Amino acid sequence: MFQVLATVRERNRLQLNRAAIYNVAITPQGEELATTEDDDTIRLWNTSAEQIDQFPTGQGIVRSIAFSADGKQLATGGEDGSILIWTIRDRKIDLTQNQLRSSKLTKEKRPKGQF
């Protein structure tokens, strides 16, 4: 394990002037990051530490975030117990927890890379 860690090098450092960042998710392509803080807002960043956008989730504090394998969707889990799937391109909710529960969608039926 030490040999593996010895080969890891810092490519870039993202320094944000924020009091507390609760979660960080990075697109699989490594081009964008999503962060959450102590509010219901998702903030999107590029790897030069420039904020691209931000949008409220309506979930209270966002407790967890993750990008889909293709980087086009973002899943958020809120303190209110909700799970939302967002389309990154237009910052719109794609699926809600209730839709996920009642959906007959399986992995095989979803387009490759999506939740």
PDB file of N, CA and C in Angstrom:
ATOM      1  N   MET A   1       0.824  -1.185   0.000  1.00  0.00           N
ATOM      2  CA  MET A   1       0.000   0.000   0.000  1.00  0.00           C
ATOM      3  C   MET A   1       0.867   1.247   0.000  1.00  0.00           C
ATOM      4  N   PHE A   2       1.971   1.237   0.700  1.00  0.00           N
ATOM      5  CA  PHE A   2       2.843   2.408   0.743  1.00  0.00           C
ATOM      6  C   PHE A   2       3.338   2.767  -0.646  1.00  0.00           C
ATOM      7  N   GLN A   3       3.654   1.757  -1.453  1.00  0.00           N
ATOM      8  CA  GLN A   3       4.142   2.026  -2.805  1.00  0.00           C
ATOM      9  C   GLN A   3       3.078   2.722  -3.650  1.00  0.00           C
ATOM     10  N   VAL A   4       1.837   2.315  -3.486  1.00  0.00           N
ATOM     11  CA  VAL A   4       0.752   2.960  -4.226  1.00  0.00           C
ATOM     12  C   VAL A   4       0.630   4.415  -3.805  1.00  0.00           C
ATOM     13  N   LEU A   5       0.631   4.674  -2.509  1.00  0.00           N
ATOM     14  CA  LEU A   5       0.509   6.042  -2.015  1.00  0.00           C
ATOM     15  C   LEU A   5       1.701   6.896  -2.409  1.00  0.00           C
ATOM     16  N   ALA A   6       2.852   6.301  -2.518  1.00  0.00           N
ATOM     17  CA  ALA A   6       4.045   7.058  -2.889  1.00  0.00           C
ATOM     18  C   ALA A   6       3.961   7.570  -4.322  1.00  0.00           C
ATOM     19  N   THR A   7       3.159   6.930  -5.158  1.00  0.00           N
ATOM     20  CA  THR A   7       3.044   7.368  -6.550  1.00  0.00           C
ATOM     21  C   THR A   7       1.925   8.388  -6.761  1.00  0.00           C
ATOM     22  N   VAL A   8       1.119   8.629  -5.754  1.00  0.00           N
ATOM     23  CA  VAL A   8       0.039   9.609  -5.871  1.00  0.00           C
ATOM     24  C   VAL A   8       0.620  11.007  -5.721  1.00  0.00           C
ATOM     25  N   ARG A   9       0.303  11.871  -6.672  1.00  0.00           N
ATOM     26  CA  ARG A   9       0.797  13.247  -6.625  1.00  0.00           C
ATOM     27  C   ARG A   9      -0.373  14.212  -6.747  1.00  0.00           C
ATOM     28  N   GLU A  10      -0.249  15.311  -6.079  1.00  0.00           N
ATOM     29  CA  GLU A  10      -1.279  16.341  -6.147  1.00  0.00           C
ATOM     30  C   GLU A  10      -1.232  17.002  -7.521  1.00  0.00           C
ATOM     31  N   ARG A  11      -2.380  17.016  -8.195  1.00  0.00           N
ATOM     32  CA  ARG A  11      -2.454  17.669  -9.504  1.00  0.00           C
ATOM     33  C   ARG A  11      -2.885  19.119  -9.374  1.00  0.00           C
ATOM     34  N   ASN A  12      -3.796  19.354  -8.467  1.00  0.00           N
ATOM     35  CA  ASN A  12      -4.322  20.694  -8.280  1.00  0.00           C
ATOM     36  C   ASN A  12      -4.916  20.774  -6.885  1.00  0.00           C
ATOM     37  N   ARG A  13      -4.968  21.945  -6.347  1.00  0.00           N
ATOM     38  CA  ARG A  13      -5.536  22.120  -5.018  1.00  0.00           C
ATOM     39  C   ARG A  13      -6.697  23.093  -5.115  1.00  0.00           C
ATOM     40  N   LEU A  14      -7.833  22.667  -4.634  1.00  0.00           N
ATOM     41  CA  LEU A  14      -9.022  23.502  -4.629  1.00  0.00           C
ATOM     42  C   LEU A  14      -9.141  24.114  -3.244  1.00  0.00           C
ATOM     43  N   GLN A  15      -8.962  25.414  -3.159  1.00  0.00           N
ATOM     44  CA  GLN A  15      -9.084  26.097  -1.876  1.00  0.00           C
ATOM     45  C   GLN A  15     -10.304  26.997  -1.929  1.00  0.00           C
ATOM     46  N   LEU A  16     -11.242  26.715  -1.066  1.00  0.00           N
ATOM     47  CA  LEU A  16     -12.480  27.472  -1.026  1.00  0.00           C
ATOM     48  C   LEU A  16     -12.546  28.259   0.270  1.00  0.00           C
ATOM     49  N   ASN A  17     -13.058  29.442   0.197  1.00  0.00           N
ATOM     50  CA  ASN A  17     -13.205  30.274   1.392  1.00  0.00           C
ATOM     51  C   ASN A  17     -14.560  30.006   2.027  1.00  0.00           C
ATOM     52  N   ARG A  18     -14.727  28.818   2.500  1.00  0.00           N
ATOM     53  CA  ARG A  18     -15.987  28.397   3.105  1.00  0.00           C
ATOM     54  C   ARG A  18     -15.719  27.956   4.536  1.00  0.00           C
ATOM     55  N   ALA A  19     -16.702  28.173   5.381  1.00  0.00           N
ATOM     56  CA  ALA A  19     -16.561  27.786   6.785  1.00  0.00           C
ATOM     57  C   ALA A  19     -16.479  26.272   6.927  1.00  0.00           C
ATOM     58  N   ALA A  20     -17.400  25.581   6.280  1.00  0.00           N
ATOM     59  CA  ALA A  20     -17.419  24.118   6.385  1.00  0.00           C
ATOM     60  C   ALA A  20     -18.021  23.529   5.125  1.00  0.00           C
ATOM     61  N   ILE A  21     -17.331  22.582   4.556  1.00  0.00           N
ATOM     62  CA  ILE A  21     -17.860  21.844   3.414  1.00  0.00           C
ATOM     63  C   ILE A  21     -18.228  20.464   3.928  1.00  0.00           C
ATOM     64  N   TYR A  22     -19.483  20.081   3.737  1.00  0.00           N
ATOM     65  CA  TYR A  22     -19.969  18.806   4.248  1.00  0.00           C
ATOM     66  C   TYR A  22     -19.660  17.641   3.314  1.00  0.00           C
ATOM     67  N   ASN A  23     -19.792  17.862   2.007  1.00  0.00           N
ATOM     68  CA  ASN A  23     -19.612  16.790   1.027  1.00  0.00           C
ATOM     69  C   ASN A  23     -18.932  17.317  -0.219  1.00  0.00           C
ATOM     70  N   VAL A  24     -18.191  16.453  -0.868  1.00  0.00           N
ATOM     71  CA  VAL A  24     -17.572  16.760  -2.155  1.00  0.00           C
ATOM     72  C   VAL A  24     -17.779  15.556  -3.063  1.00  0.00           C
ATOM     73  N   ALA A  25     -18.193  15.821  -4.293  1.00  0.00           N
ATOM     74  CA  ALA A  25     -18.283  14.775  -5.312  1.00  0.00           C
ATOM     75  C   ALA A  25     -17.559  15.287  -6.545  1.00  0.00           C
ATOM     76  N   ILE A  26     -16.845  14.403  -7.205  1.00  0.00           N
ATOM     77  CA  ILE A  26     -16.080  14.753  -8.398  1.00  0.00           C
ATOM     78  C   ILE A  26     -16.615  13.938  -9.562  1.00  0.00           C
ATOM     79  N   THR A  27     -16.795  14.585 -10.710  1.00  0.00           N
ATOM     80  CA  THR A  27     -17.251  13.839 -11.882  1.00  0.00           C
ATOM     81  C   THR A  27     -16.212  12.778 -12.229  1.00  0.00           C
ATOM     82  N   PRO A  28     -16.637  11.657 -12.782  1.00  0.00           N
ATOM     83  CA  PRO A  28     -15.678  10.617 -13.158  1.00  0.00           C
ATOM     84  C   PRO A  28     -14.600  11.123 -14.120  1.00  0.00           C
ATOM     85  N   GLN A  29     -14.935  12.130 -14.897  1.00  0.00           N
ATOM     86  CA  GLN A  29     -13.973  12.704 -15.831  1.00  0.00           C
ATOM     87  C   GLN A  29     -12.993  13.647 -15.123  1.00  0.00           C
ATOM     88  N   GLY A  30     -13.299  14.006 -13.869  1.00  0.00           N
ATOM     89  CA  GLY A  30     -12.428  14.867 -13.084  1.00  0.00           C
ATOM     90  C   GLY A  30     -12.466  16.328 -13.484  1.00  0.00           C
ATOM     91  N   GLU A  31     -13.522  16.752 -14.180  1.00  0.00           N
ATOM     92  CA  GLU A  31     -13.592  18.119 -14.673  1.00  0.00           C
ATOM     93  C   GLU A  31     -14.406  19.053 -13.795  1.00  0.00           C
ATOM     94  N   GLU A  32     -15.350  18.526 -13.030  1.00  0.00           N
ATOM     95  CA  GLU A  32     -16.200  19.349 -12.175  1.00  0.00           C
ATOM     96  C   GLU A  32     -16.325  18.721 -10.801  1.00  0.00           C
ATOM     97  N   LEU A  33     -16.609  19.587  -9.832  1.00  0.00           N
ATOM     98  CA  LEU A  33     -16.851  19.147  -8.464  1.00  0.00           C
ATOM     99  C   LEU A  33     -18.182  19.717  -8.010  1.00  0.00           C
ATOM    100  N   ALA A  34     -18.826  19.010  -7.112  1.00  0.00           N
ATOM    101  CA  ALA A  34     -20.026  19.507  -6.454  1.00  0.00           C
ATOM    102  C   ALA A  34     -19.738  19.510  -4.963  1.00  0.00           C
ATOM    103  N   THR A  35     -20.139  20.574  -4.275  1.00  0.00           N
ATOM    104  CA  THR A  35     -19.951  20.649  -2.830  1.00  0.00           C
ATOM    105  C   THR A  35     -21.269  21.005  -2.160  1.00  0.00           C
ATOM    106  N   THR A  36     -21.377  20.616  -0.893  1.00  0.00           N
ATOM    107  CA  THR A  36     -22.503  21.036  -0.067  1.00  0.00           C
ATOM    108  C   THR A  36     -21.952  21.628   1.219  1.00  0.00           C
ATOM    109  N   GLU A  37     -22.747  22.534   1.795  1.00  0.00           N
ATOM    110  CA  GLU A  37     -22.363  23.171   3.051  1.00  0.00           C
ATOM    111  C   GLU A  37     -23.505  23.014   4.040  1.00  0.00           C
ATOM    112  N   ASP A  38     -23.647  23.977   4.939  1.00  0.00           N
ATOM    113  CA  ASP A  38     -24.691  23.877   5.963  1.00  0.00           C
ATOM    114  C   ASP A  38     -26.001  24.528   5.516  1.00  0.00           C
ATOM    115  N   ASP A  39     -26.294  24.435   4.243  1.00  0.00           N
ATOM    116  CA  ASP A  39     -27.559  24.923   3.718  1.00  0.00           C
ATOM    117  C   ASP A  39     -28.078  23.908   2.701  1.00  0.00           C
ATOM    118  N   ASP A  40     -29.100  24.273   1.963  1.00  0.00           N
ATOM    119  CA  ASP A  40     -29.662  23.309   1.005  1.00  0.00           C
ATOM    120  C   ASP A  40     -29.175  23.572  -0.416  1.00  0.00           C
ATOM    121  N   THR A  41     -27.966  24.091  -0.540  1.00  0.00           N
ATOM    122  CA  THR A  41     -27.456  24.503  -1.844  1.00  0.00           C
ATOM    123  C   THR A  41     -26.336  23.589  -2.333  1.00  0.00           C
ATOM    124  N   ILE A  42     -26.419  23.218  -3.606  1.00  0.00           N
ATOM    125  CA  ILE A  42     -25.333  22.514  -4.292  1.00  0.00           C
ATOM    126  C   ILE A  42     -24.522  23.575  -5.016  1.00  0.00           C
ATOM    127  N   ARG A  43     -23.223  23.525  -4.871  1.00  0.00           N
ATOM    128  CA  ARG A  43     -22.344  24.435  -5.602  1.00  0.00           C
ATOM    129  C   ARG A  43     -21.477  23.608  -6.538  1.00  0.00           C
ATOM    130  N   LEU A  44     -21.421  24.046  -7.796  1.00  0.00           N
ATOM    131  CA  LEU A  44     -20.621  23.363  -8.808  1.00  0.00           C
ATOM    132  C   LEU A  44     -19.380  24.190  -9.103  1.00  0.00           C
ATOM    133  N   TRP A  45     -18.244  23.508  -9.216  1.00  0.00           N
ATOM    134  CA  TRP A  45     -16.944  24.150  -9.411  1.00  0.00           C
ATOM    135  C   TRP A  45     -16.208  23.481 -10.556  1.00  0.00           C
ATOM    136  N   ASN A  46     -15.335  24.250 -11.207  1.00  0.00           N
ATOM    137  CA  ASN A  46     -14.397  23.619 -12.129  1.00  0.00           C
ATOM    138  C   ASN A  46     -13.112  23.357 -11.357  1.00  0.00           C
ATOM    139  N   THR A  47     -12.161  22.723 -11.973  1.00  0.00           N
ATOM    140  CA  THR A  47     -10.944  22.349 -11.246  1.00  0.00           C
ATOM    141  C   THR A  47      -9.984  23.513 -11.041  1.00  0.00           C
ATOM    142  N   SER A  48     -10.349  24.696 -11.531  1.00  0.00           N
ATOM    143  CA  SER A  48      -9.561  25.906 -11.258  1.00  0.00           C
ATOM    144  C   SER A  48     -10.131  26.666 -10.071  1.00  0.00           C
ATOM    145  N   ALA A  49     -11.025  26.032  -9.324  1.00  0.00           N
ATOM    146  CA  ALA A  49     -11.673  26.594  -8.136  1.00  0.00           C
ATOM    147  C   ALA A  49     -12.590  27.759  -8.471  1.00  0.00           C
ATOM    148  N   GLU A  50     -13.106  27.785  -9.690  1.00  0.00           N
ATOM    149  CA  GLU A  50     -14.076  28.799 -10.078  1.00  0.00           C
ATOM    150  C   GLU A  50     -15.470  28.205  -9.938  1.00  0.00           C
ATOM    151  N   GLN A  51     -16.337  28.922  -9.219  1.00  0.00           N
ATOM    152  CA  GLN A  51     -17.696  28.433  -9.056  1.00  0.00           C
ATOM    153  C   GLN A  51     -18.438  28.595 -10.376  1.00  0.00           C
ATOM    154  N   ILE A  52     -18.987  27.504 -10.864  1.00  0.00           N
ATOM    155  CA  ILE A  52     -19.716  27.494 -12.132  1.00  0.00           C
ATOM    156  C   ILE A  52     -21.167  27.889 -11.910  1.00  0.00           C
ATOM    157  N   ASP A  53     -21.759  27.336 -10.870  1.00  0.00           N
ATOM    158  CA  ASP A  53     -23.181  27.550 -10.620  1.00  0.00           C
ATOM    159  C   ASP A  53     -23.510  27.109  -9.207  1.00  0.00           C
ATOM    160  N   GLN A  54     -24.693  27.456  -8.770  1.00  0.00           N
ATOM    161  CA  GLN A  54     -25.228  26.937  -7.515  1.00  0.00           C
ATOM    162  C   GLN A  54     -26.738  26.879  -7.655  1.00  0.00           C
ATOM    163  N   PHE A  55     -27.339  25.930  -6.943  1.00  0.00           N
ATOM    164  CA  PHE A  55     -28.789  25.823  -6.983  1.00  0.00           C
ATOM    165  C   PHE A  55     -29.292  25.184  -5.695  1.00  0.00           C
ATOM    166  N   PRO A  56     -30.461  25.654  -5.215  1.00  0.00           N
ATOM    167  CA  PRO A  56     -31.038  25.092  -3.992  1.00  0.00           C
ATOM    168  C   PRO A  56     -31.693  23.746  -4.276  1.00  0.00           C
ATOM    169  N   THR A  57     -31.672  22.883  -3.275  1.00  0.00           N
ATOM    170  CA  THR A  57     -32.285  21.567  -3.437  1.00  0.00           C
ATOM    171  C   THR A  57     -33.659  21.483  -2.781  1.00  0.00           C
ATOM    172  N   GLY A  58     -33.898  22.316  -1.769  1.00  0.00           N
ATOM    173  CA  GLY A  58     -35.148  22.225  -1.032  1.00  0.00           C
ATOM    174  C   GLY A  58     -35.174  21.050  -0.069  1.00  0.00           C
ATOM    175  N   GLN A  59     -34.011  20.457   0.218  1.00  0.00           N
ATOM    176  CA  GLN A  59     -33.921  19.267   1.060  1.00  0.00           C
ATOM    177  C   GLN A  59     -33.406  19.568   2.464  1.00  0.00           C
ATOM    178  N   GLY A  60     -33.215  20.829   2.804  1.00  0.00           N
ATOM    179  CA  GLY A  60     -32.508  21.141   4.039  1.00  0.00           C
ATOM    180  C   GLY A  60     -31.028  20.902   3.792  1.00  0.00           C
ATOM    181  N   ILE A  61     -30.287  20.588   4.820  1.00  0.00           N
ATOM    182  CA  ILE A  61     -28.864  20.305   4.638  1.00  0.00           C
ATOM    183  C   ILE A  61     -28.717  19.046   3.789  1.00  0.00           C
ATOM    184  N   VAL A  62     -27.898  19.132   2.753  1.00  0.00           N
ATOM    185  CA  VAL A  62     -27.653  17.974   1.887  1.00  0.00           C
ATOM    186  C   VAL A  62     -26.599  17.112   2.568  1.00  0.00           C
ATOM    187  N   ARG A  63     -26.965  15.874   2.878  1.00  0.00           N
ATOM    188  CA  ARG A  63     -26.094  14.968   3.635  1.00  0.00           C
ATOM    189  C   ARG A  63     -25.188  14.107   2.758  1.00  0.00           C
ATOM    190  N   SER A  64     -25.574  13.906   1.499  1.00  0.00           N
ATOM    191  CA  SER A  64     -24.735  13.092   0.616  1.00  0.00           C
ATOM    192  C   SER A  64     -24.963  13.498  -0.834  1.00  0.00           C
ATOM    193  N   ILE A  65     -23.891  13.386  -1.626  1.00  0.00           N
ATOM    194  CA  ILE A  65     -23.967  13.691  -3.054  1.00  0.00           C
ATOM    195  C   ILE A  65     -23.088  12.706  -3.814  1.00  0.00           C
ATOM    196  N   ALA A  66     -23.483  12.414  -5.048  1.00  0.00           N
ATOM    197  CA  ALA A  66     -22.680  11.527  -5.903  1.00  0.00           C
ATOM    198  C   ALA A  66     -23.048  11.775  -7.354  1.00  0.00           C
ATOM    199  N   PHE A  67     -22.035  11.804  -8.216  1.00  0.00           N
ATOM    200  CA  PHE A  67     -22.266  11.918  -9.651  1.00  0.00           C
ATOM    201  C   PHE A  67     -22.524  10.542 -10.238  1.00  0.00           C
ATOM    202  N   SER A  68     -23.304  10.507 -11.311  1.00  0.00           N
ATOM    203  CA  SER A  68     -23.482   9.267 -12.067  1.00  0.00           C
ATOM    204  C   SER A  68     -22.189   8.964 -12.811  1.00  0.00           C
ATOM    205  N   ALA A  69     -22.082   7.765 -13.330  1.00  0.00           N
ATOM    206  CA  ALA A  69     -20.857   7.339 -14.015  1.00  0.00           C
ATOM    207  C   ALA A  69     -20.534   8.194 -15.235  1.00  0.00           C
ATOM    208  N   ASP A  70     -21.565   8.747 -15.888  1.00  0.00           N
ATOM    209  CA  ASP A  70     -21.312   9.593 -17.054  1.00  0.00           C
ATOM    210  C   ASP A  70     -21.172  11.069 -16.682  1.00  0.00           C
ATOM    211  N   GLY A  71     -21.344  11.410 -15.395  1.00  0.00           N
ATOM    212  CA  GLY A  71     -21.185  12.782 -14.929  1.00  0.00           C
ATOM    213  C   GLY A  71     -22.317  13.710 -15.310  1.00  0.00           C
ATOM    214  N   LYS A  72     -23.399  13.179 -15.861  1.00  0.00           N
ATOM    215  CA  LYS A  72     -24.505  14.022 -16.317  1.00  0.00           C
ATOM    216  C   LYS A  72     -25.606  14.177 -15.280  1.00  0.00           C
ATOM    217  N   GLN A  73     -25.570  13.367 -14.236  1.00  0.00           N
ATOM    218  CA  GLN A  73     -26.572  13.433 -13.180  1.00  0.00           C
ATOM    219  C   GLN A  73     -25.881  13.497 -11.824  1.00  0.00           C
ATOM    220  N   LEU A  74     -26.608  14.063 -10.855  1.00  0.00           N
ATOM    221  CA  LEU A  74     -26.109  14.163  -9.492  1.00  0.00           C
ATOM    222  C   LEU A  74     -27.214  13.697  -8.556  1.00  0.00           C
ATOM    223  N   ALA A  75     -26.892  12.764  -7.673  1.00  0.00           N
ATOM    224  CA  ALA A  75     -27.843  12.302  -6.667  1.00  0.00           C
ATOM    225  C   ALA A  75     -27.569  13.058  -5.376  1.00  0.00           C
ATOM    226  N   THR A  76     -28.639  13.520  -4.722  1.00  0.00           N
ATOM    227  CA  THR A  76     -28.498  14.204  -3.438  1.00  0.00           C
ATOM    228  C   THR A  76     -29.406  13.542  -2.410  1.00  0.00           C
ATOM    229  N   GLY A  77     -28.903  13.416  -1.198  1.00  0.00           N
ATOM    230  CA  GLY A  77     -29.688  12.919  -0.078  1.00  0.00           C
ATOM    231  C   GLY A  77     -29.777  14.011   0.961  1.00  0.00           C
ATOM    232  N   GLY A  78     -30.992  14.412   1.318  1.00  0.00           N
ATOM    233  CA  GLY A  78     -31.177  15.538   2.227  1.00  0.00           C
ATOM    234  C   GLY A  78     -31.483  15.131   3.643  1.00  0.00           C
ATOM    235  N   GLU A  79     -31.332  16.103   4.550  1.00  0.00           N
ATOM    236  CA  GLU A  79     -31.649  15.848   5.955  1.00  0.00           C
ATOM    237  C   GLU A  79     -33.130  15.568   6.146  1.00  0.00           C
ATOM    238  N   ASP A  80     -33.955  15.932   5.167  1.00  0.00           N
ATOM    239  CA  ASP A  80     -35.384  15.646   5.253  1.00  0.00           C
ATOM    240  C   ASP A  80     -35.709  14.207   4.851  1.00  0.00           C
ATOM    241  N   GLY A  81     -34.675  13.424   4.521  1.00  0.00           N
ATOM    242  CA  GLY A  81     -34.866  12.027   4.157  1.00  0.00           C
ATOM    243  C   GLY A  81     -35.120  11.798   2.678  1.00  0.00           C
ATOM    244  N   SER A  82     -35.149  12.865   1.899  1.00  0.00           N
ATOM    245  CA  SER A  82     -35.434  12.718   0.473  1.00  0.00           C
ATOM    246  C   SER A  82     -34.174  12.401  -0.323  1.00  0.00           C
ATOM    247  N   ILE A  83     -34.377  11.740  -1.447  1.00  0.00           N
ATOM    248  CA  ILE A  83     -33.315  11.469  -2.416  1.00  0.00           C
ATOM    249  C   ILE A  83     -33.787  12.043  -3.744  1.00  0.00           C
ATOM    250  N   LEU A  84     -32.937  12.852  -4.368  1.00  0.00           N
ATOM    251  CA  LEU A  84     -33.273  13.456  -5.654  1.00  0.00           C
ATOM    252  C   LEU A  84     -32.166  13.167  -6.655  1.00  0.00           C
ATOM    253  N   ILE A  85     -32.544  12.961  -7.899  1.00  0.00           N
ATOM    254  CA  ILE A  85     -31.591  12.797  -8.994  1.00  0.00           C
ATOM    255  C   ILE A  85     -31.742  14.023  -9.893  1.00  0.00           C
ATOM    256  N   TRP A  86     -30.647  14.757 -10.054  1.00  0.00           N
ATOM    257  CA  TRP A  86     -30.639  16.003 -10.820  1.00  0.00           C
ATOM    258  C   TRP A  86     -29.953  15.801 -12.158  1.00  0.00           C
ATOM    259  N   THR A  87     -30.456  16.470 -13.191  1.00  0.00           N
ATOM    260  CA  THR A  87     -29.757  16.551 -14.466  1.00  0.00           C
ATOM    261  C   THR A  87     -28.849  17.769 -14.373  1.00  0.00           C
ATOM    262  N   ILE A  88     -27.557  17.565 -14.479  1.00  0.00           N
ATOM    263  CA  ILE A  88     -26.585  18.643 -14.299  1.00  0.00           C
ATOM    264  C   ILE A  88     -26.741  19.731 -15.354  1.00  0.00           C
ATOM    265  N   ARG A  89     -26.993  19.355 -16.580  1.00  0.00           N
ATOM    266  CA  ARG A  89     -27.055  20.321 -17.677  1.00  0.00           C
ATOM    267  C   ARG A  89     -28.037  21.463 -17.390  1.00  0.00           C
ATOM    268  N   ASP A  90     -29.246  21.124 -16.913  1.00  0.00           N
ATOM    269  CA  ASP A  90     -30.252  22.166 -16.699  1.00  0.00           C
ATOM    270  C   ASP A  90     -30.618  22.372 -15.230  1.00  0.00           C
ATOM    271  N   ARG A  91     -29.922  21.691 -14.320  1.00  0.00           N
ATOM    272  CA  ARG A  91     -30.150  21.837 -12.878  1.00  0.00           C
ATOM    273  C   ARG A  91     -31.599  21.528 -12.496  1.00  0.00           C
ATOM    274  N   LYS A  92     -32.196  20.567 -13.157  1.00  0.00           N
ATOM    275  CA  LYS A  92     -33.578  20.177 -12.896  1.00  0.00           C
ATOM    276  C   LYS A  92     -33.622  18.791 -12.267  1.00  0.00           C
ATOM    277  N   ILE A  93     -34.669  18.566 -11.468  1.00  0.00           N
ATOM    278  CA  ILE A  93     -34.864  17.249 -10.861  1.00  0.00           C
ATOM    279  C   ILE A  93     -35.301  16.276 -11.949  1.00  0.00           C
ATOM    280  N   ASP A  94     -34.577  15.178 -12.068  1.00  0.00           N
ATOM    281  CA  ASP A  94     -34.882  14.140 -13.047  1.00  0.00           C
ATOM    282  C   ASP A  94     -35.774  13.074 -12.421  1.00  0.00           C
ATOM    283  N   LEU A  95     -35.426  12.641 -11.221  1.00  0.00           N
ATOM    284  CA  LEU A  95     -36.196  11.631 -10.501  1.00  0.00           C
ATOM    285  C   LEU A  95     -36.261  11.983  -9.026  1.00  0.00           C
ATOM    286  N   THR A  96     -37.404  11.700  -8.410  1.00  0.00           N
ATOM    287  CA  THR A  96     -37.539  11.865  -6.964  1.00  0.00           C
ATOM    288  C   THR A  96     -37.518  10.490  -6.311  1.00  0.00           C
ATOM    289  N   GLN A  97     -37.423  10.493  -4.994  1.00  0.00           N
ATOM    290  CA  GLN A  97     -37.405   9.238  -4.242  1.00  0.00           C
ATOM    291  C   GLN A  97     -38.665   8.424  -4.523  1.00  0.00           C
ATOM    292  N   ASN A  98     -39.826   9.086  -4.571  1.00  0.00           N
ATOM    293  CA  ASN A  98     -41.071   8.366  -4.837  1.00  0.00           C
ATOM    294  C   ASN A  98     -41.074   7.756  -6.232  1.00  0.00           C
ATOM    295  N   GLN A  99     -40.536   8.486  -7.213  1.00  0.00           N
ATOM    296  CA  GLN A  99     -40.449   7.936  -8.561  1.00  0.00           C
ATOM    297  C   GLN A  99     -39.488   6.757  -8.601  1.00  0.00           C
ATOM    298  N   LEU A 100     -38.400   6.854  -7.839  1.00  0.00           N
ATOM    299  CA  LEU A 100     -37.447   5.749  -7.791  1.00  0.00           C
ATOM    300  C   LEU A 100     -38.085   4.512  -7.179  1.00  0.00           C
ATOM    301  N   ARG A 101     -38.871   4.706  -6.110  1.00  0.00           N
ATOM    302  CA  ARG A 101     -39.521   3.572  -5.440  1.00  0.00           C
ATOM    303  C   ARG A 101     -40.559   2.909  -6.329  1.00  0.00           C
ATOM    304  N   SER A 102     -41.369   3.728  -7.016  1.00  0.00           N
ATOM    305  CA  SER A 102     -42.464   3.168  -7.803  1.00  0.00           C
ATOM    306  C   SER A 102     -42.037   2.757  -9.201  1.00  0.00           C
ATOM    307  N   SER A 103     -40.825   3.109  -9.570  1.00  0.00           N
ATOM    308  CA  SER A 103     -40.343   2.831 -10.919  1.00  0.00           C
ATOM    309  C   SER A 103     -40.048   1.351 -11.113  1.00  0.00           C
ATOM    310  N   LYS A 104     -40.321   0.882 -12.299  1.00  0.00           N
ATOM    311  CA  LYS A 104     -39.975  -0.489 -12.676  1.00  0.00           C
ATOM    312  C   LYS A 104     -38.627  -0.514 -13.380  1.00  0.00           C
ATOM    313  N   LEU A 105     -37.954   0.645 -13.390  1.00  0.00           N
ATOM    314  CA  LEU A 105     -36.666   0.726 -14.079  1.00  0.00           C
ATOM    315  C   LEU A 105     -35.647  -0.179 -13.411  1.00  0.00           C
ATOM    316  N   THR A 106     -34.899  -0.851 -14.222  1.00  0.00           N
ATOM    317  CA  THR A 106     -33.789  -1.647 -13.718  1.00  0.00           C
ATOM    318  C   THR A 106     -32.520  -1.088 -14.320  1.00  0.00           C
ATOM    319  N   LYS A 107     -31.396  -1.551 -13.834  1.00  0.00           N
ATOM    320  CA  LYS A 107     -30.116  -1.099 -14.379  1.00  0.00           C
ATOM    321  C   LYS A 107     -30.047  -1.336 -15.882  1.00  0.00           C
ATOM    322  N   GLU A 108     -30.583  -2.449 -16.316  1.00  0.00           N
ATOM    323  CA  GLU A 108     -30.503  -2.791 -17.724  1.00  0.00           C
ATOM    324  C   GLU A 108     -31.344  -1.851 -18.582  1.00  0.00           C
ATOM    325  N   LYS A 109     -32.406  -1.292 -18.012  1.00  0.00           N
ATOM    326  CA  LYS A 109     -33.301  -0.434 -18.782  1.00  0.00           C
ATOM    327  C   LYS A 109     -32.867   1.032 -18.765  1.00  0.00           C
ATOM    328  N   ARG A 110     -32.015   1.414 -17.851  1.00  0.00           N
ATOM    329  CA  ARG A 110     -31.544   2.795 -17.782  1.00  0.00           C
ATOM    330  C   ARG A 110     -30.399   2.973 -18.771  1.00  0.00           C
ATOM    331  N   PRO A 111     -30.320   4.146 -19.391  1.00  0.00           N
ATOM    332  CA  PRO A 111     -29.180   4.398 -20.280  1.00  0.00           C
ATOM    333  C   PRO A 111     -27.867   4.239 -19.525  1.00  0.00           C
ATOM    334  N   LYS A 112     -26.861   3.779 -20.219  1.00  0.00           N
ATOM    335  CA  LYS A 112     -25.559   3.528 -19.607  1.00  0.00           C
ATOM    336  C   LYS A 112     -25.033   4.785 -18.923  1.00  0.00           C
ATOM    337  N   GLY A 113     -24.586   4.625 -17.699  1.00  0.00           N
ATOM    338  CA  GLY A 113     -23.984   5.725 -16.962  1.00  0.00           C
ATOM    339  C   GLY A 113     -24.937   6.494 -16.087  1.00  0.00           C
ATOM    340  N   GLN A 114     -26.247   6.255 -16.205  1.00  0.00           N
ATOM    341  CA  GLN A 114     -27.211   6.968 -15.384  1.00  0.00           C
ATOM    342  C   GLN A 114     -27.573   6.152 -14.161  1.00  0.00           C
ATOM    343  N   PHE A 115     -28.149   6.830 -13.167  1.00  0.00           N
ATOM    344  CA  PHE A 115     -28.578   6.156 -11.948  1.00  0.00           C
ATOM    345  C   PHE A 115     -29.754   5.261 -12.242  1.00  0.00           C
TER     346      PHE A 115
END
